């Protein structure tokens, strides 16, 4: 059984922090799609008809990640 889905911050193996879960597109940036994104089915056509993928920022601390999301109007859900 899956738990509650939502926007969460995790620490990646690299030591950086980023988002997982239901990530709003407003937290990312559209960039031209890489071959890997196309082959991995992570690319899409935007409104201008360009083939793009979404890139999301990474942060040095979970506080920075939470502040960035809150600033954009997307609070981070606390683990149950």
PDB file of N, CA and C in Angstrom:
ATOM      1  N   UNK A   1       0.847  -1.178   0.000  1.00  0.00           N
ATOM      2  CA  UNK A   1       0.000   0.000   0.000  1.00  0.00           C
ATOM      3  C   UNK A   1       0.891   1.239   0.000  1.00  0.00           C
ATOM      4  N   UNK A   2       0.530   2.203  -0.810  1.00  0.00           N
ATOM      5  CA  UNK A   2       1.289   3.437  -0.879  1.00  0.00           C
ATOM      6  C   UNK A   2       0.789   4.418   0.168  1.00  0.00           C
ATOM      7  N   UNK A   3       1.711   5.200   0.699  1.00  0.00           N
ATOM      8  CA  UNK A   3       1.340   6.246   1.652  1.00  0.00           C
ATOM      9  C   UNK A   3       0.838   7.468   0.918  1.00  0.00           C
ATOM     10  N   UNK A   4       0.663   8.523   1.660  1.00  0.00           N
ATOM     11  CA  UNK A   4       0.173   9.776   1.112  1.00  0.00           C
ATOM     12  C   UNK A   4       1.177  10.340   0.103  1.00  0.00           C
ATOM     13  N   UNK A   5       0.691  10.679  -1.074  1.00  0.00           N
ATOM     14  CA  UNK A   5       1.549  11.280  -2.086  1.00  0.00           C
ATOM     15  C   UNK A   5       1.516  12.793  -1.910  1.00  0.00           C
ATOM     16  N   UNK A   6       2.569  13.446  -2.268  1.00  0.00           N
ATOM     17  CA  UNK A   6       2.636  14.895  -2.163  1.00  0.00           C
ATOM     18  C   UNK A   6       4.039  15.349  -2.490  1.00  0.00           C
ATOM     19  N   UNK A   7       4.320  16.565  -2.242  1.00  0.00           N
ATOM     20  CA  UNK A   7       5.632  17.144  -2.497  1.00  0.00           C
ATOM     21  C   UNK A   7       6.507  16.936  -1.270  1.00  0.00           C
ATOM     22  N   UNK A   8       7.666  16.330  -1.457  1.00  0.00           N
ATOM     23  CA  UNK A   8       8.586  16.044  -0.360  1.00  0.00           C
ATOM     24  C   UNK A   8      10.011  16.395  -0.768  1.00  0.00           C
ATOM     25  N   UNK A   9      10.866  16.610   0.218  1.00  0.00           N
ATOM     26  CA  UNK A   9      12.292  16.870  -0.007  1.00  0.00           C
ATOM     27  C   UNK A   9      13.070  15.670   0.505  1.00  0.00           C
ATOM     28  N   UNK A  10      14.034  15.217  -0.298  1.00  0.00           N
ATOM     29  CA  UNK A  10      14.921  14.145   0.143  1.00  0.00           C
ATOM     30  C   UNK A  10      16.370  14.562  -0.080  1.00  0.00           C
ATOM     31  N   UNK A  11      17.267  13.852   0.588  1.00  0.00           N
ATOM     32  CA  UNK A  11      18.698  14.058   0.385  1.00  0.00           C
ATOM     33  C   UNK A  11      19.170  12.995  -0.585  1.00  0.00           C
ATOM     34  N   UNK A  12      19.733  13.425  -1.707  1.00  0.00           N
ATOM     35  CA  UNK A  12      20.244  12.510  -2.715  1.00  0.00           C
ATOM     36  C   UNK A  12      21.602  11.956  -2.287  1.00  0.00           C
ATOM     37  N   UNK A  13      22.042  10.843  -2.875  1.00  0.00           N
ATOM     38  CA  UNK A  13      23.360  10.289  -2.534  1.00  0.00           C
ATOM     39  C   UNK A  13      24.507  11.281  -2.732  1.00  0.00           C
ATOM     40  N   UNK A  14      24.312  12.264  -3.614  1.00  0.00           N
ATOM     41  CA  UNK A  14      25.338  13.283  -3.860  1.00  0.00           C
ATOM     42  C   UNK A  14      25.492  14.247  -2.690  1.00  0.00           C
ATOM     43  N   UNK A  15      24.528  14.208  -1.740  1.00  0.00           N
ATOM     44  CA  UNK A  15      24.544  15.142  -0.622  1.00  0.00           C
ATOM     45  C   UNK A  15      23.669  16.360  -0.848  1.00  0.00           C
ATOM     46  N   UNK A  16      23.150  16.517  -2.058  1.00  0.00           N
ATOM     47  CA  UNK A  16      22.255  17.628  -2.380  1.00  0.00           C
ATOM     48  C   UNK A  16      20.817  17.236  -2.048  1.00  0.00           C
ATOM     49  N   UNK A  17      19.947  18.226  -1.947  1.00  0.00           N
ATOM     50  CA  UNK A  17      18.540  18.010  -1.631  1.00  0.00           C
ATOM     51  C   UNK A  17      17.683  18.374  -2.829  1.00  0.00           C
ATOM     52  N   UNK A  18      16.595  17.648  -3.016  1.00  0.00           N
ATOM     53  CA  UNK A  18      15.686  17.923  -4.119  1.00  0.00           C
ATOM     54  C   UNK A  18      14.308  17.374  -3.838  1.00  0.00           C
ATOM     55  N   UNK A  19      13.429  17.522  -4.809  1.00  0.00           N
ATOM     56  CA  UNK A  19      12.028  17.167  -4.645  1.00  0.00           C
ATOM     57  C   UNK A  19      11.718  15.772  -5.176  1.00  0.00           C
ATOM     58  N   UNK A  20      10.755  15.130  -4.525  1.00  0.00           N
ATOM     59  CA  UNK A  20      10.187  13.867  -4.991  1.00  0.00           C
ATOM     60  C   UNK A  20       8.687  13.923  -4.712  1.00  0.00           C
ATOM     61  N   UNK A  21       7.956  13.026  -5.322  1.00  0.00           N
ATOM     62  CA  UNK A  21       6.508  12.971  -5.129  1.00  0.00           C
ATOM     63  C   UNK A  21       5.799  13.692  -6.248  1.00  0.00           C
ATOM     64  N   UNK A  22       4.729  14.361  -5.906  1.00  0.00           N
ATOM     65  CA  UNK A  22       3.934  15.124  -6.876  1.00  0.00           C
ATOM     66  C   UNK A  22       4.560  16.508  -7.009  1.00  0.00           C
ATOM     67  N   UNK A  23       5.488  16.640  -7.961  1.00  0.00           N
ATOM     68  CA  UNK A  23       6.251  17.884  -8.106  1.00  0.00           C
ATOM     69  C   UNK A  23       5.540  18.802  -9.102  1.00  0.00           C
ATOM     70  N   UNK A  24       5.106  19.981  -8.671  1.00  0.00           N
ATOM     71  CA  UNK A  24       4.459  20.921  -9.587  1.00  0.00           C
ATOM     72  C   UNK A  24       5.449  21.408 -10.653  1.00  0.00           C
ATOM     73  N   UNK A  25       4.974  21.530 -11.860  1.00  0.00           N
ATOM     74  CA  UNK A  25       5.821  22.012 -12.952  1.00  0.00           C
ATOM     75  C   UNK A  25       6.380  23.400 -12.709  1.00  0.00           C
ATOM     76  N   UNK A  26       5.681  24.202 -11.905  1.00  0.00           N
ATOM     77  CA  UNK A  26       6.128  25.564 -11.631  1.00  0.00           C
ATOM     78  C   UNK A  26       7.449  25.615 -10.860  1.00  0.00           C
ATOM     79  N   UNK A  27       7.860  24.508 -10.280  1.00  0.00           N
ATOM     80  CA  UNK A  27       9.142  24.478  -9.558  1.00  0.00           C
ATOM     81  C   UNK A  27      10.314  24.179 -10.475  1.00  0.00           C
ATOM     82  N   UNK A  28      10.023  23.803 -11.719  1.00  0.00           N
ATOM     83  CA  UNK A  28      11.082  23.443 -12.654  1.00  0.00           C
ATOM     84  C   UNK A  28      11.198  24.420 -13.808  1.00  0.00           C
ATOM     85  N   UNK A  29      12.084  24.064 -14.722  1.00  0.00           N
ATOM     86  CA  UNK A  29      12.347  24.865 -15.904  1.00  0.00           C
ATOM     87  C   UNK A  29      12.308  23.951 -17.120  1.00  0.00           C
ATOM     88  N   UNK A  30      11.649  24.400 -18.177  1.00  0.00           N
ATOM     89  CA  UNK A  30      11.666  23.653 -19.436  1.00  0.00           C
ATOM     90  C   UNK A  30      13.001  23.887 -20.121  1.00  0.00           C
ATOM     91  N   UNK A  31      13.635  22.805 -20.551  1.00  0.00           N
ATOM     92  CA  UNK A  31      14.887  22.880 -21.306  1.00  0.00           C
ATOM     93  C   UNK A  31      14.751  21.970 -22.522  1.00  0.00           C
ATOM     94  N   UNK A  32      15.546  22.208 -23.573  1.00  0.00           N
ATOM     95  CA  UNK A  32      15.476  21.310 -24.717  1.00  0.00           C
ATOM     96  C   UNK A  32      15.720  19.865 -24.275  1.00  0.00           C
ATOM     97  N   UNK A  33      14.955  18.961 -24.818  1.00  0.00           N
ATOM     98  CA  UNK A  33      15.037  17.554 -24.416  1.00  0.00           C
ATOM     99  C   UNK A  33      16.355  16.932 -24.847  1.00  0.00           C
ATOM    100  N   UNK A  34      16.962  16.203 -23.935  1.00  0.00           N
ATOM    101  CA  UNK A  34      18.165  15.437 -24.259  1.00  0.00           C
ATOM    102  C   UNK A  34      17.741  14.122 -24.897  1.00  0.00           C
ATOM    103  N   UNK A  35      18.673  13.463 -25.538  1.00  0.00           N
ATOM    104  CA  UNK A  35      18.374  12.154 -26.129  1.00  0.00           C
ATOM    105  C   UNK A  35      17.919  11.180 -25.043  1.00  0.00           C
ATOM    106  N   UNK A  36      18.550  11.244 -23.880  1.00  0.00           N
ATOM    107  CA  UNK A  36      18.181  10.366 -22.765  1.00  0.00           C
ATOM    108  C   UNK A  36      16.739  10.611 -22.320  1.00  0.00           C
ATOM    109  N   UNK A  37      16.316  11.883 -22.309  1.00  0.00           N
ATOM    110  CA  UNK A  37      14.939  12.199 -21.918  1.00  0.00           C
ATOM    111  C   UNK A  37      13.947  11.662 -22.945  1.00  0.00           C
ATOM    112  N   UNK A  38      14.309  11.765 -24.213  1.00  0.00           N
ATOM    113  CA  UNK A  38      13.436  11.238 -25.266  1.00  0.00           C
ATOM    114  C   UNK A  38      13.345   9.717 -25.153  1.00  0.00           C
ATOM    115  N   UNK A  39      14.484   9.063 -25.032  1.00  0.00           N
ATOM    116  CA  UNK A  39      14.497   7.602 -24.951  1.00  0.00           C
ATOM    117  C   UNK A  39      13.850   7.103 -23.660  1.00  0.00           C
ATOM    118  N   UNK A  40      13.938   7.868 -22.574  1.00  0.00           N
ATOM    119  CA  UNK A  40      13.353   7.496 -21.292  1.00  0.00           C
ATOM    120  C   UNK A  40      11.917   7.966 -21.127  1.00  0.00           C
ATOM    121  N   UNK A  41      11.354   8.536 -22.194  1.00  0.00           N
ATOM    122  CA  UNK A  41       9.974   9.016 -22.222  1.00  0.00           C
ATOM    123  C   UNK A  41       9.694  10.080 -21.165  1.00  0.00           C
ATOM    124  N   UNK A  42      10.671  10.968 -20.944  1.00  0.00           N
ATOM    125  CA  UNK A  42      10.501  12.082 -20.017  1.00  0.00           C
ATOM    126  C   UNK A  42      10.364  13.407 -20.755  1.00  0.00           C
ATOM    127  N   UNK A  43      10.295  13.364 -22.077  1.00  0.00           N
ATOM    128  CA  UNK A  43      10.185  14.576 -22.878  1.00  0.00           C
ATOM    129  C   UNK A  43       8.744  14.766 -23.334  1.00  0.00           C
ATOM    130  N   UNK A  44       8.446  16.010 -23.729  1.00  0.00           N
ATOM    131  CA  UNK A  44       7.101  16.325 -24.224  1.00  0.00           C
ATOM    132  C   UNK A  44       7.195  17.559 -25.108  1.00  0.00           C
ATOM    133  N   UNK A  45       6.143  17.800 -25.864  1.00  0.00           N
ATOM    134  CA  UNK A  45       6.073  18.999 -26.683  1.00  0.00           C
ATOM    135  C   UNK A  45       5.371  20.097 -25.889  1.00  0.00           C
ATOM    136  N   UNK A  46       6.008  21.254 -25.797  1.00  0.00           N
ATOM    137  CA  UNK A  46       5.406  22.373 -25.071  1.00  0.00           C
ATOM    138  C   UNK A  46       4.417  23.101 -25.986  1.00  0.00           C
ATOM    139  N   UNK A  47       3.839  24.183 -25.487  1.00  0.00           N
ATOM    140  CA  UNK A  47       2.835  24.936 -26.243  1.00  0.00           C
ATOM    141  C   UNK A  47       3.386  25.497 -27.552  1.00  0.00           C
ATOM    142  N   UNK A  48       4.689  25.751 -27.607  1.00  0.00           N
ATOM    143  CA  UNK A  48       5.317  26.280 -28.819  1.00  0.00           C
ATOM    144  C   UNK A  48       5.709  25.167 -29.793  1.00  0.00           C
ATOM    145  N   UNK A  49       5.422  23.923 -29.442  1.00  0.00           N
ATOM    146  CA  UNK A  49       5.744  22.797 -30.316  1.00  0.00           C
ATOM    147  C   UNK A  49       7.189  22.332 -30.236  1.00  0.00           C
ATOM    148  N   UNK A  50       7.917  22.755 -29.202  1.00  0.00           N
ATOM    149  CA  UNK A  50       9.314  22.369 -29.031  1.00  0.00           C
ATOM    150  C   UNK A  50       9.388  21.115 -28.156  1.00  0.00           C
ATOM    151  N   UNK A  51      10.318  20.230 -28.463  1.00  0.00           N
ATOM    152  CA  UNK A  51      10.517  19.023 -27.669  1.00  0.00           C
ATOM    153  C   UNK A  51      11.381  19.388 -26.464  1.00  0.00           C
ATOM    154  N   UNK A  52      10.808  19.272 -25.263  1.00  0.00           N
ATOM    155  CA  UNK A  52      11.480  19.718 -24.045  1.00  0.00           C
ATOM    156  C   UNK A  52      11.378  18.663 -22.951  1.00  0.00           C
ATOM    157  N   UNK A  53      12.126  18.890 -21.886  1.00  0.00           N
ATOM    158  CA  UNK A  53      12.011  18.111 -20.658  1.00  0.00           C
ATOM    159  C   UNK A  53      12.045  19.104 -19.503  1.00  0.00           C
ATOM    160  N   UNK A  54      11.650  18.654 -18.316  1.00  0.00           N
ATOM    161  CA  UNK A  54      11.674  19.511 -17.141  1.00  0.00           C
ATOM    162  C   UNK A  54      12.929  19.223 -16.328  1.00  0.00           C
ATOM    163  N   UNK A  55      13.569  20.273 -15.876  1.00  0.00           N
ATOM    164  CA  UNK A  55      14.707  20.166 -14.955  1.00  0.00           C
ATOM    165  C   UNK A  55      14.315  20.883 -13.674  1.00  0.00           C
ATOM    166  N   UNK A  56      14.608  20.244 -12.555  1.00  0.00           N
ATOM    167  CA  UNK A  56      14.256  20.805 -11.256  1.00  0.00           C
ATOM    168  C   UNK A  56      15.531  21.111 -10.479  1.00  0.00           C
ATOM    169  N   UNK A  57      15.523  22.199  -9.702  1.00  0.00           N
ATOM    170  CA  UNK A  57      16.733  22.605  -8.978  1.00  0.00           C
ATOM    171  C   UNK A  57      17.079  21.635  -7.851  1.00  0.00           C
ATOM    172  N   UNK A  58      18.349  21.653  -7.481  1.00  0.00           N
ATOM    173  CA  UNK A  58      18.818  20.939  -6.290  1.00  0.00           C
ATOM    174  C   UNK A  58      19.398  21.992  -5.348  1.00  0.00           C
ATOM    175  N   UNK A  59      19.451  21.650  -4.074  1.00  0.00           N
ATOM    176  CA  UNK A  59      19.816  22.626  -3.047  1.00  0.00           C
ATOM    177  C   UNK A  59      20.855  22.043  -2.105  1.00  0.00           C
ATOM    178  N   UNK A  60      21.544  22.930  -1.388  1.00  0.00           N
ATOM    179  CA  UNK A  60      22.552  22.498  -0.422  1.00  0.00           C
ATOM    180  C   UNK A  60      21.946  22.063   0.906  1.00  0.00           C
ATOM    181  N   UNK A  61      20.707  22.488   1.192  1.00  0.00           N
ATOM    182  CA  UNK A  61      20.054  22.094   2.445  1.00  0.00           C
ATOM    183  C   UNK A  61      18.564  21.882   2.212  1.00  0.00           C
ATOM    184  N   UNK A  62      17.942  21.121   3.101  1.00  0.00           N
ATOM    185  CA  UNK A  62      16.501  20.914   2.951  1.00  0.00           C
ATOM    186  C   UNK A  62      15.740  22.206   3.248  1.00  0.00           C
ATOM    187  N   UNK A  63      16.300  23.078   4.092  1.00  0.00           N
ATOM    188  CA  UNK A  63      15.654  24.357   4.371  1.00  0.00           C
ATOM    189  C   UNK A  63      15.567  25.215   3.114  1.00  0.00           C
ATOM    190  N   UNK A  64      16.630  25.210   2.297  1.00  0.00           N
ATOM    191  CA  UNK A  64      16.612  25.969   1.043  1.00  0.00           C
ATOM    192  C   UNK A  64      15.540  25.423   0.110  1.00  0.00           C
ATOM    193  N   UNK A  65      15.436  24.105   0.018  1.00  0.00           N
ATOM    194  CA  UNK A  65      14.443  23.474  -0.857  1.00  0.00           C
ATOM    195  C   UNK A  65      13.032  23.814  -0.400  1.00  0.00           C
ATOM    196  N   UNK A  66      12.799  23.745   0.904  1.00  0.00           N
ATOM    197  CA  UNK A  66      11.476  24.062   1.445  1.00  0.00           C
ATOM    198  C   UNK A  66      11.133  25.537   1.223  1.00  0.00           C
ATOM    199  N   UNK A  67      12.099  26.416   1.413  1.00  0.00           N
ATOM    200  CA  UNK A  67      11.868  27.849   1.232  1.00  0.00           C
ATOM    201  C   UNK A  67      11.553  28.168  -0.229  1.00  0.00           C
ATOM    202  N   UNK A  68      12.265  27.542  -1.166  1.00  0.00           N
ATOM    203  CA  UNK A  68      12.030  27.764  -2.596  1.00  0.00           C
ATOM    204  C   UNK A  68      10.610  27.348  -2.969  1.00  0.00           C
ATOM    205  N   UNK A  69      10.187  26.168  -2.504  1.00  0.00           N
ATOM    206  CA  UNK A  69       8.841  25.674  -2.811  1.00  0.00           C
ATOM    207  C   UNK A  69       7.778  26.577  -2.182  1.00  0.00           C
ATOM    208  N   UNK A  70       7.977  26.969  -0.929  1.00  0.00           N
ATOM    209  CA  UNK A  70       7.006  27.824  -0.244  1.00  0.00           C
ATOM    210  C   UNK A  70       6.887  29.176  -0.929  1.00  0.00           C
ATOM    211  N   UNK A  71       8.013  29.713  -1.398  1.00  0.00           N
ATOM    212  CA  UNK A  71       8.030  30.995  -2.104  1.00  0.00           C
ATOM    213  C   UNK A  71       7.180  30.932  -3.371  1.00  0.00           C
ATOM    214  N   UNK A  72       7.133  29.758  -3.996  1.00  0.00           N
ATOM    215  CA  UNK A  72       6.342  29.567  -5.221  1.00  0.00           C
ATOM    216  C   UNK A  72       4.908  29.135  -4.916  1.00  0.00           C
ATOM    217  N   UNK A  73       4.565  28.988  -3.614  1.00  0.00           N
ATOM    218  CA  UNK A  73       3.208  28.641  -3.226  1.00  0.00           C
ATOM    219  C   UNK A  73       2.930  27.162  -3.069  1.00  0.00           C
ATOM    220  N   UNK A  74       3.980  26.358  -2.876  1.00  0.00           N
ATOM    221  CA  UNK A  74       3.832  24.912  -2.739  1.00  0.00           C
ATOM    222  C   UNK A  74       4.490  24.435  -1.451  1.00  0.00           C
ATOM    223  N   UNK A  75       3.726  24.365  -0.366  1.00  0.00           N
ATOM    224  CA  UNK A  75       4.323  23.917   0.896  1.00  0.00           C
ATOM    225  C   UNK A  75       4.747  22.458   0.835  1.00  0.00           C
ATOM    226  N   UNK A  76       5.784  22.130   1.544  1.00  0.00           N
ATOM    227  CA  UNK A  76       6.290  20.757   1.624  1.00  0.00           C
ATOM    228  C   UNK A  76       5.497  20.012   2.682  1.00  0.00           C
ATOM    229  N   UNK A  77       5.050  18.818   2.347  1.00  0.00           N
ATOM    230  CA  UNK A  77       4.295  18.013   3.313  1.00  0.00           C
ATOM    231  C   UNK A  77       5.260  17.325   4.254  1.00  0.00           C
ATOM    232  N   UNK A  78       4.919  17.331   5.527  1.00  0.00           N
ATOM    233  CA  UNK A  78       5.736  16.676   6.527  1.00  0.00           C
ATOM    234  C   UNK A  78       5.460  15.174   6.508  1.00  0.00           C
ATOM    235  N   UNK A  79       6.484  14.351   6.761  1.00  0.00           N
ATOM    236  CA  UNK A  79       6.236  12.906   6.818  1.00  0.00           C
ATOM    237  C   UNK A  79       5.307  12.568   7.973  1.00  0.00           C
ATOM    238  N   UNK A  80       4.489  11.526   7.756  1.00  0.00           N
ATOM    239  CA  UNK A  80       3.528  11.125   8.786  1.00  0.00           C
ATOM    240  C   UNK A  80       4.223  10.392   9.915  1.00  0.00           C
TER     241      UNK A  80
END
